[in-house]
Amino acid sequence: MAPALEAQVLQEEQSLPHNNNFFNGLNDVTHRSKVTVIGSGNWGSVAAKLIASNTLRLASFHDEVRMWVYEETLPSGEKLTDVINRTNENVKYLPGIKLGQNVVADPDLENAVRDSNMLVFVTPHQFVEGICKRLVGKIREDAEAISLVKGMEVKMEGPCMISTLISQQLGINCSVLMGANIANEIAVEKFSEATVGYRNNREVAERWVQLFYTPYFIVTAAQDVEGVELCGTLKNVVAIAAGFVDGLEMGNNTKAAIMRLGLREMKAFSKLLFPSVKDSTFFESCGVADLITTCLGGRNRKVAEAYARNGGKRSFDELEAEMLQGQKLQGVSTASEVYEVLSHRGWLELFPLFSTVHEICSGLLPPSAIVEYSEKLPRSF
């Protein structure tokens, strides 16, 4: 690590909250926080690794970290949870990476969350509501949640953020964590950063910061749940557009233009939905940094590139199954959900990039249309 960056990391570590009563003087095991990670894909496994290293180090947490695993049978005939617990490795979604001996894979959702007061949600967004319905009445009253989930639910009454969905379904507070963090790079401890978005309780935010923070994964807090969460959600739509540009070999200048215009639409859409969203949030790790890294190296960009190279003749579902080995593509479904909001509210002409991405993904337009949308930009936008 470069000396200047190393100094910054040390400074960040020293600035972590150490005067919080929640963390100090809690040697009584009955008062320690217990953590469950709900989800075990690529990012969920990395989150478990980060958390497990800190629960061993900090006296305010139980050592054991439960990780709920949607049970699968591997080609060998073994159950995925059995292999994870035997090898300390998620051989399907994060092969080659040790999670920590204190990570316990559990295929029973209710058992996994039992006695836990810190719940980390990290599953594809389309599964969150079903999971929450199964957890109603099964969690501690004092539980806190944090969502690492990118996406939104569109209901009759309008768009619903995943953190809001969790809060409403379970009756608990839910923060969010988003940022410029490609899971496989964090897994091998390359330097990265993220943003915790919280509502009102700074102490809760600091609790989450301590749980995730490591010398190679720098976490800061911002009081803007909707802004942080929408950045993490909408950047996947822009990454799909960036992938089209790569697949059509349009060059870096074009991709830079797409990213800039995408950031503009991210900001405008967020502030139209939630006027409380702060401009400063878009300059946090969850904002411009996450947009850049996802457009350069994320799974959405990768699959969209393949879609464009095939002239849109192979579906995203087919490419997802072939290229992601069971991981889920979020950008296509998010583009559809955003399009539904824009259409319902009469905003389609205000968001030509978002609209065009969905129309390409659904086969209404060819991938080359990604550079034609700019002609539709209203002068007042």
Protein backbone atom coordinates (compact mmCIF):
# COMPACT_ATOMS: atom_id res chain seq x y z
CA MET A 1 0.00 0.00 0.00
CA ALA A 2 1.33 3.48 -0.87
CA PRO A 3 2.65 5.47 2.14
CA ALA A 4 0.05 8.25 1.71
CA LEU A 5 -2.78 5.74 1.49
CA GLU A 6 -1.41 3.80 4.45
CA ALA A 7 -1.35 7.00 6.49
CA GLN A 8 -4.96 7.70 5.53
CA VAL A 9 -5.99 4.21 6.62
CA LEU A 10 -4.24 4.62 9.98
CA GLN A 11 -5.92 7.98 10.46
CA GLU A 12 -9.32 6.46 9.63
CA GLU A 13 -8.71 3.63 12.11
CA GLN A 14 -7.82 6.10 14.85
CA SER A 15 -11.01 8.06 14.15
CA LEU A 16 -13.26 5.07 14.66
CA PRO A 17 -15.73 5.42 17.53
CA HIS A 18 -14.14 4.04 20.68
CA ASN A 19 -16.13 5.96 23.28
CA ASN A 20 -19.41 4.20 22.61
CA ASN A 21 -20.82 2.43 25.64
CA PHE A 22 -22.12 -0.23 23.32
CA PHE A 23 -18.55 -1.28 22.54
CA ASN A 24 -16.69 -0.68 25.79
CA GLY A 25 -16.94 -2.54 29.02
CA LEU A 26 -19.14 -5.26 27.53
CA ASN A 27 -17.22 -8.29 28.64
CA ASP A 28 -20.42 -9.81 29.96
CA VAL A 29 -21.20 -12.32 27.23
CA THR A 30 -24.95 -11.88 27.72
CA HIS A 31 -24.69 -8.30 26.47
CA ARG A 32 -22.60 -8.99 23.41
CA SER A 33 -24.13 -8.44 20.00
CA LYS A 34 -24.73 -11.51 17.89
CA VAL A 35 -24.57 -11.22 14.11
CA THR A 36 -26.34 -13.18 11.38
CA VAL A 37 -25.63 -12.72 7.67
CA ILE A 38 -28.77 -13.48 5.67
CA GLY A 39 -27.42 -14.60 2.32
CA SER A 40 -24.37 -16.52 1.16
CA GLY A 41 -23.64 -15.58 -2.44
CA ASN A 42 -20.46 -13.90 -3.59
CA TRP A 43 -20.98 -10.63 -1.71
CA GLY A 44 -22.68 -12.32 1.25
CA SER A 45 -19.70 -14.59 1.75
CA VAL A 46 -17.29 -11.65 1.59
CA ALA A 47 -19.44 -9.76 4.11
CA ALA A 48 -19.29 -12.76 6.44
CA LYS A 49 -15.49 -12.82 6.11
CA LEU A 50 -15.20 -9.11 6.98
CA ILE A 51 -17.59 -9.40 9.92
CA ALA A 52 -16.03 -12.59 11.28
CA SER A 53 -12.60 -11.00 11.49
CA ASN A 54 -14.04 -8.20 13.63
CA THR A 55 -16.25 -10.27 15.93
CA LEU A 56 -13.14 -12.17 16.99
CA ARG A 57 -11.27 -8.94 17.62
CA LEU A 58 -13.94 -6.89 19.41
CA ALA A 59 -15.20 -7.83 22.86
CA SER A 60 -18.65 -6.36 22.20
CA PHE A 61 -19.58 -9.13 19.73
CA HIS A 62 -20.13 -12.86 20.02
CA ASP A 63 -17.35 -14.63 18.15
CA GLU A 64 -19.70 -16.82 16.12
CA VAL A 65 -21.20 -15.40 12.92
CA ARG A 66 -24.15 -17.31 11.50
CA MET A 67 -24.60 -17.23 7.73
CA TRP A 68 -27.93 -18.34 6.32
CA VAL A 69 -27.39 -20.42 3.20
CA TYR A 70 -30.06 -21.27 0.67
CA GLU A 71 -29.32 -24.98 0.58
CA GLU A 72 -28.03 -26.46 -2.66
CA THR A 73 -26.72 -29.87 -3.64
CA LEU A 74 -23.32 -29.66 -5.28
CA PRO A 75 -22.27 -31.86 -8.24
CA SER A 76 -20.39 -34.01 -5.72
CA GLY A 77 -23.70 -34.84 -4.04
CA GLU A 78 -22.78 -32.95 -0.87
CA LYS A 79 -24.88 -30.18 0.65
CA LEU A 80 -23.39 -26.71 0.24
CA THR A 81 -23.72 -25.92 3.96
CA ASP A 82 -21.88 -29.12 4.90
CA VAL A 83 -19.01 -28.25 2.59
CA ILE A 84 -18.80 -24.67 3.87
CA ASN A 85 -18.69 -25.86 7.49
CA ARG A 86 -16.14 -28.58 6.71
CA THR A 87 -13.80 -26.51 4.55
CA ASN A 88 -14.53 -22.99 5.86
CA GLU A 89 -15.00 -21.98 2.23
CA ASN A 90 -17.99 -21.23 0.00
CA VAL A 91 -16.82 -23.46 -2.81
CA LYS A 92 -19.61 -22.38 -5.18
CA TYR A 93 -19.80 -18.61 -4.78
CA LEU A 94 -16.39 -17.66 -3.33
CA PRO A 95 -13.95 -20.50 -4.03
CA GLY A 96 -10.44 -20.30 -2.66
CA ILE A 97 -11.27 -17.88 0.16
CA LYS A 98 -11.36 -18.87 3.83
CA LEU A 99 -14.31 -17.23 5.57
CA GLY A 100 -13.03 -17.54 9.14
CA GLN A 101 -13.40 -20.49 11.50
CA ASN A 102 -16.11 -18.63 13.42
CA VAL A 103 -18.47 -18.50 10.40
CA VAL A 104 -21.18 -21.17 10.66
CA ALA A 105 -23.34 -21.91 7.62
CA ASP A 106 -26.97 -22.68 8.51
CA PRO A 107 -29.66 -23.74 6.00
CA ASP A 108 -32.45 -23.06 8.55
CA LEU A 109 -33.39 -19.38 8.31
CA GLU A 110 -35.21 -19.21 11.64
CA ASN A 111 -32.39 -20.96 13.46
CA ALA A 112 -29.79 -18.74 11.80
CA VAL A 113 -31.37 -15.54 13.16
CA ARG A 114 -32.26 -16.94 16.60
CA ASP A 115 -30.82 -14.73 19.38
CA SER A 116 -29.16 -12.38 16.86
CA ASN A 117 -29.64 -8.65 17.28
CA MET A 118 -27.65 -7.57 14.21
CA LEU A 119 -29.07 -8.82 10.92
CA VAL A 120 -27.13 -8.31 7.69
CA PHE A 121 -29.30 -8.72 4.58
CA VAL A 122 -27.35 -9.57 1.44
CA THR A 123 -29.50 -11.49 -1.05
CA PRO A 124 -30.85 -10.67 -4.51
CA HIS A 125 -33.49 -7.98 -3.99
CA GLN A 126 -36.33 -10.02 -5.45
CA PHE A 127 -36.05 -12.50 -2.55
CA VAL A 128 -36.04 -10.04 0.35
CA GLU A 129 -39.80 -9.72 0.84
CA GLY A 130 -40.29 -13.49 0.99
CA ILE A 131 -37.45 -13.84 3.49
CA CYS A 132 -38.88 -11.08 5.69
CA LYS A 133 -42.32 -12.71 5.71
CA ARG A 134 -40.70 -15.88 7.04
CA LEU A 135 -38.96 -13.90 9.79
CA VAL A 136 -42.00 -12.01 11.14
CA GLY A 137 -42.25 -12.76 14.85
CA LYS A 138 -39.02 -14.80 14.79
CA ILE A 139 -36.45 -12.10 15.55
CA ARG A 140 -35.45 -10.19 18.67
CA GLU A 141 -37.40 -7.02 19.43
CA ASP A 142 -34.17 -5.05 19.81
CA ALA A 143 -32.72 -6.25 16.50
CA GLU A 144 -31.09 -3.84 14.08
CA ALA A 145 -30.77 -4.58 10.36
CA ILE A 146 -28.50 -3.41 7.60
CA SER A 147 -29.12 -3.98 3.89
CA LEU A 148 -26.33 -4.63 1.41
CA VAL A 149 -29.01 -5.34 -1.21
CA LYS A 150 -29.11 -3.42 -4.48
CA GLY A 151 -32.56 -2.93 -5.96
CA MET A 152 -36.08 -1.76 -5.20
CA GLU A 153 -39.59 -3.15 -5.12
CA VAL A 154 -42.26 -1.44 -7.20
CA LYS A 155 -45.71 -1.73 -5.64
CA MET A 156 -49.12 -0.28 -6.47
CA GLU A 157 -48.43 2.70 -4.23
CA GLY A 158 -45.04 3.35 -5.80
CA PRO A 159 -41.37 2.37 -5.39
CA CYS A 160 -40.26 0.89 -2.10
CA MET A 161 -36.59 0.80 -1.11
CA ILE A 162 -35.33 -2.51 0.28
CA SER A 163 -34.36 -0.93 3.62
CA THR A 164 -37.92 0.41 3.94
CA LEU A 165 -39.34 -2.99 3.03
CA ILE A 166 -37.26 -4.66 5.75
CA SER A 167 -38.26 -2.01 8.31
CA GLN A 168 -41.95 -2.28 7.48
CA GLN A 169 -42.07 -6.06 7.37
CA LEU A 170 -40.07 -6.67 10.55
CA GLY A 171 -40.75 -3.51 12.55
CA ILE A 172 -37.05 -2.75 13.04
CA ASN A 173 -34.63 -0.02 11.99
CA CYS A 174 -32.65 -0.76 8.84
CA SER A 175 -29.47 0.99 7.72
CA VAL A 176 -27.70 0.36 4.40
CA LEU A 177 -24.14 -0.29 3.25
CA MET A 178 -23.18 0.52 -0.33
CA GLY A 179 -19.91 1.42 -2.00
CA ALA A 180 -17.20 0.91 -4.56
CA ASN A 181 -16.58 -2.69 -3.69
CA ILE A 182 -16.36 -5.58 -6.14
CA ALA A 183 -16.63 -8.63 -3.91
CA ASN A 184 -13.82 -10.73 -5.37
CA GLU A 185 -11.32 -7.89 -4.86
CA ILE A 186 -12.31 -7.43 -1.22
CA ALA A 187 -12.10 -11.19 -0.71
CA VAL A 188 -8.37 -11.07 -1.46
CA GLU A 189 -8.03 -7.96 0.72
CA LYS A 190 -7.44 -5.35 -1.94
CA PHE A 191 -8.10 -1.84 -0.66
CA SER A 192 -11.73 -0.75 -0.93
CA GLU A 193 -14.29 1.47 0.77
CA ALA A 194 -18.00 1.72 1.50
CA THR A 195 -20.65 4.00 2.98
CA VAL A 196 -23.11 3.20 5.76
CA GLY A 197 -26.34 5.13 5.28
CA TYR A 198 -28.32 5.71 8.46
CA ARG A 199 -31.45 7.62 9.52
CA ASN A 200 -31.21 9.26 12.92
CA ASN A 201 -29.14 7.20 15.33
CA ARG A 202 -25.44 7.89 14.90
CA GLU A 203 -24.61 5.29 17.54
CA VAL A 204 -26.23 2.58 15.43
CA ALA A 205 -24.25 3.74 12.39
CA GLU A 206 -21.00 3.58 14.36
CA ARG A 207 -21.88 0.05 15.46
CA TRP A 208 -22.13 -1.03 11.82
CA VAL A 209 -18.94 0.84 10.92
CA GLN A 210 -17.03 -1.11 13.57
CA LEU A 211 -18.50 -4.40 12.44
CA PHE A 212 -17.37 -3.99 8.80
CA TYR A 213 -14.27 -1.80 9.07
CA THR A 214 -10.86 -3.37 8.37
CA PRO A 215 -7.53 -1.85 7.27
CA TYR A 216 -8.39 -2.82 3.67
CA PHE A 217 -12.12 -2.03 3.81
CA ILE A 218 -12.68 1.55 4.92
CA VAL A 219 -16.22 2.39 6.05
CA THR A 220 -17.68 5.83 6.72
CA ALA A 221 -21.22 6.89 7.68
CA ALA A 222 -23.65 9.28 5.98
CA GLN A 223 -27.05 10.33 7.33
CA ASP A 224 -28.96 9.65 4.11
CA VAL A 225 -30.41 6.14 3.82
CA GLU A 226 -32.37 6.77 0.62
CA GLY A 227 -29.50 8.55 -1.11
CA VAL A 228 -26.94 5.88 -0.26
CA GLU A 229 -29.32 3.07 -1.19
CA LEU A 230 -30.43 4.60 -4.48
CA CYS A 231 -26.81 5.12 -5.51
CA GLY A 232 -26.15 1.42 -4.94
CA THR A 233 -29.30 0.51 -6.82
CA LEU A 234 -29.21 2.80 -9.84
CA LYS A 235 -25.53 2.41 -10.68
CA ASN A 236 -26.32 -1.11 -11.92
CA VAL A 237 -28.57 0.37 -14.62
CA VAL A 238 -25.75 2.65 -15.77
CA ALA A 239 -23.35 -0.32 -15.70
CA ILE A 240 -25.63 -2.15 -18.14
CA ALA A 241 -25.30 0.85 -20.48
CA ALA A 242 -21.51 0.82 -20.03
CA GLY A 243 -21.48 -2.86 -20.94
CA PHE A 244 -23.36 -2.16 -24.16
CA VAL A 245 -20.71 0.43 -25.05
CA ASP A 246 -17.93 -2.09 -24.40
CA GLY A 247 -19.68 -4.83 -26.36
CA LEU A 248 -20.04 -2.52 -29.35
CA GLU A 249 -16.40 -1.37 -28.99
CA MET A 250 -17.39 2.29 -28.88
CA GLY A 251 -14.38 3.30 -26.79
CA ASN A 252 -13.58 4.94 -23.48
CA ASN A 253 -14.76 8.41 -24.47
CA THR A 254 -18.25 7.08 -25.10
CA LYS A 255 -18.25 5.11 -21.87
CA ALA A 256 -17.13 8.17 -19.90
CA ALA A 257 -20.01 10.15 -21.40
CA ILE A 258 -22.47 7.39 -20.50
CA MET A 259 -21.16 7.33 -16.91
CA ARG A 260 -21.45 11.11 -16.55
CA LEU A 261 -24.97 11.19 -17.93
CA GLY A 262 -25.85 8.16 -15.84
CA LEU A 263 -24.71 9.89 -12.67
CA ARG A 264 -26.83 12.90 -13.61
CA GLU A 265 -29.91 10.72 -14.00
CA MET A 266 -29.12 8.87 -10.75
CA LYS A 267 -29.05 12.16 -8.88
CA ALA A 268 -32.17 13.59 -10.56
CA PHE A 269 -34.21 10.39 -10.05
CA SER A 270 -33.17 10.10 -6.40
CA LYS A 271 -34.08 13.68 -5.58
CA LEU A 272 -37.42 13.47 -7.38
CA LEU A 273 -38.37 10.42 -5.32
CA PHE A 274 -36.87 11.65 -2.05
CA PRO A 275 -36.25 15.42 -1.79
CA SER A 276 -34.28 14.77 1.42
CA VAL A 277 -31.47 13.09 -0.56
CA LYS A 278 -28.23 15.06 -0.12
CA ASP A 279 -26.05 16.22 -3.02
CA SER A 280 -22.96 15.26 -1.00
CA THR A 281 -24.01 11.59 -0.98
CA PHE A 282 -23.15 11.30 -4.67
CA PHE A 283 -19.52 12.09 -3.84
CA GLU A 284 -19.27 9.36 -1.21
CA SER A 285 -18.01 5.86 -1.96
CA CYS A 286 -21.60 4.77 -2.59
CA GLY A 287 -21.97 7.40 -5.31
CA VAL A 288 -19.47 8.27 -8.02
CA ALA A 289 -16.87 5.75 -6.81
CA ASP A 290 -19.30 2.82 -6.90
CA LEU A 291 -20.54 3.95 -10.31
CA ILE A 292 -17.01 3.97 -11.70
CA THR A 293 -15.98 0.58 -10.37
CA THR A 294 -19.23 -1.10 -11.45
CA CYS A 295 -19.01 0.35 -14.96
CA LEU A 296 -15.41 -0.82 -15.24
CA GLY A 297 -15.57 -4.27 -13.70
CA GLY A 298 -18.92 -5.40 -12.33
CA ARG A 299 -21.07 -8.36 -13.36
CA ASN A 300 -23.73 -6.10 -14.90
CA ARG A 301 -21.18 -4.56 -17.25
CA LYS A 302 -19.77 -7.98 -18.10
CA VAL A 303 -23.08 -9.60 -19.05
CA ALA A 304 -24.32 -6.49 -20.90
CA GLU A 305 -21.11 -6.55 -22.95
CA ALA A 306 -21.86 -10.15 -23.96
CA TYR A 307 -25.44 -9.19 -24.81
CA ALA A 308 -24.25 -6.44 -27.14
CA ARG A 309 -21.57 -8.63 -28.74
CA ASN A 310 -24.33 -11.11 -29.59
CA GLY A 311 -26.46 -8.35 -31.10
CA GLY A 312 -29.15 -8.87 -28.49
CA LYS A 313 -29.88 -12.33 -29.89
CA ARG A 314 -29.13 -14.16 -26.62
CA SER A 315 -31.31 -13.28 -23.66
CA PHE A 316 -30.02 -11.88 -20.40
CA ASP A 317 -31.46 -14.90 -18.59
CA GLU A 318 -29.41 -17.22 -20.79
CA LEU A 319 -26.23 -15.18 -20.40
CA GLU A 320 -26.74 -14.85 -16.63
CA ALA A 321 -27.03 -18.63 -16.24
CA GLU A 322 -23.96 -19.22 -18.39
CA MET A 323 -21.67 -16.51 -17.03
CA LEU A 324 -22.54 -16.02 -13.37
CA GLN A 325 -22.72 -19.58 -11.99
CA GLY A 326 -25.83 -18.98 -9.93
CA GLN A 327 -25.26 -15.32 -9.07
CA LYS A 328 -28.06 -12.92 -9.96
CA LEU A 329 -27.90 -9.98 -12.32
CA GLN A 330 -29.50 -6.95 -10.70
CA GLY A 331 -29.23 -4.25 -13.36
CA VAL A 332 -31.79 -5.66 -15.81
CA SER A 333 -34.54 -6.11 -13.22
CA THR A 334 -33.73 -2.73 -11.66
CA ALA A 335 -33.94 -1.07 -15.10
CA SER A 336 -37.41 -2.60 -15.50
CA GLU A 337 -38.51 -1.37 -12.07
CA VAL A 338 -37.16 2.13 -12.72
CA TYR A 339 -38.91 2.17 -16.11
CA GLU A 340 -42.19 1.26 -14.42
CA VAL A 341 -41.82 4.22 -12.04
CA LEU A 342 -40.87 6.60 -14.86
CA SER A 343 -43.78 5.46 -17.03
CA HIS A 344 -46.31 5.68 -14.21
CA ARG A 345 -45.22 9.20 -13.25
CA GLY A 346 -44.79 10.54 -16.78
CA TRP A 347 -41.03 10.98 -16.40
CA LEU A 348 -39.76 8.89 -19.33
CA GLU A 349 -38.59 11.88 -21.36
CA LEU A 350 -36.66 13.21 -18.36
CA PHE A 351 -34.58 10.03 -18.12
CA PRO A 352 -33.61 8.96 -21.64
CA LEU A 353 -30.64 6.84 -20.54
CA PHE A 354 -32.61 4.84 -17.97
CA SER A 355 -35.49 4.44 -20.41
CA THR A 356 -33.23 3.32 -23.26
CA VAL A 357 -31.42 0.74 -21.11
CA HIS A 358 -34.72 -0.96 -20.29
CA GLU A 359 -35.92 -0.83 -23.89
CA ILE A 360 -32.69 -2.48 -25.06
CA CYS A 361 -32.84 -5.12 -22.32
CA SER A 362 -36.42 -5.98 -23.24
CA GLY A 363 -35.61 -6.27 -26.95
CA LEU A 364 -37.50 -3.16 -28.06
CA LEU A 365 -34.31 -1.47 -29.26
CA PRO A 366 -30.94 -2.78 -30.50
CA PRO A 367 -27.84 -2.34 -28.26
CA SER A 368 -26.57 0.40 -30.61
CA ALA A 369 -29.45 2.60 -29.44
CA ILE A 370 -27.47 3.32 -26.28
CA VAL A 371 -25.68 6.19 -28.05
CA GLU A 372 -28.76 7.48 -29.83
CA TYR A 373 -30.75 8.34 -26.70
CA SER A 374 -28.80 11.59 -26.20
CA GLU A 375 -30.69 13.12 -29.10
CA LYS A 376 -33.80 12.90 -26.91
CA LEU A 377 -32.27 14.84 -24.02
CA PRO A 378 -34.55 17.76 -23.13
CA ARG A 379 -32.74 21.08 -23.02
CA SER A 380 -34.03 21.81 -19.53
CA PHE A 381 -32.69 18.57 -18.00
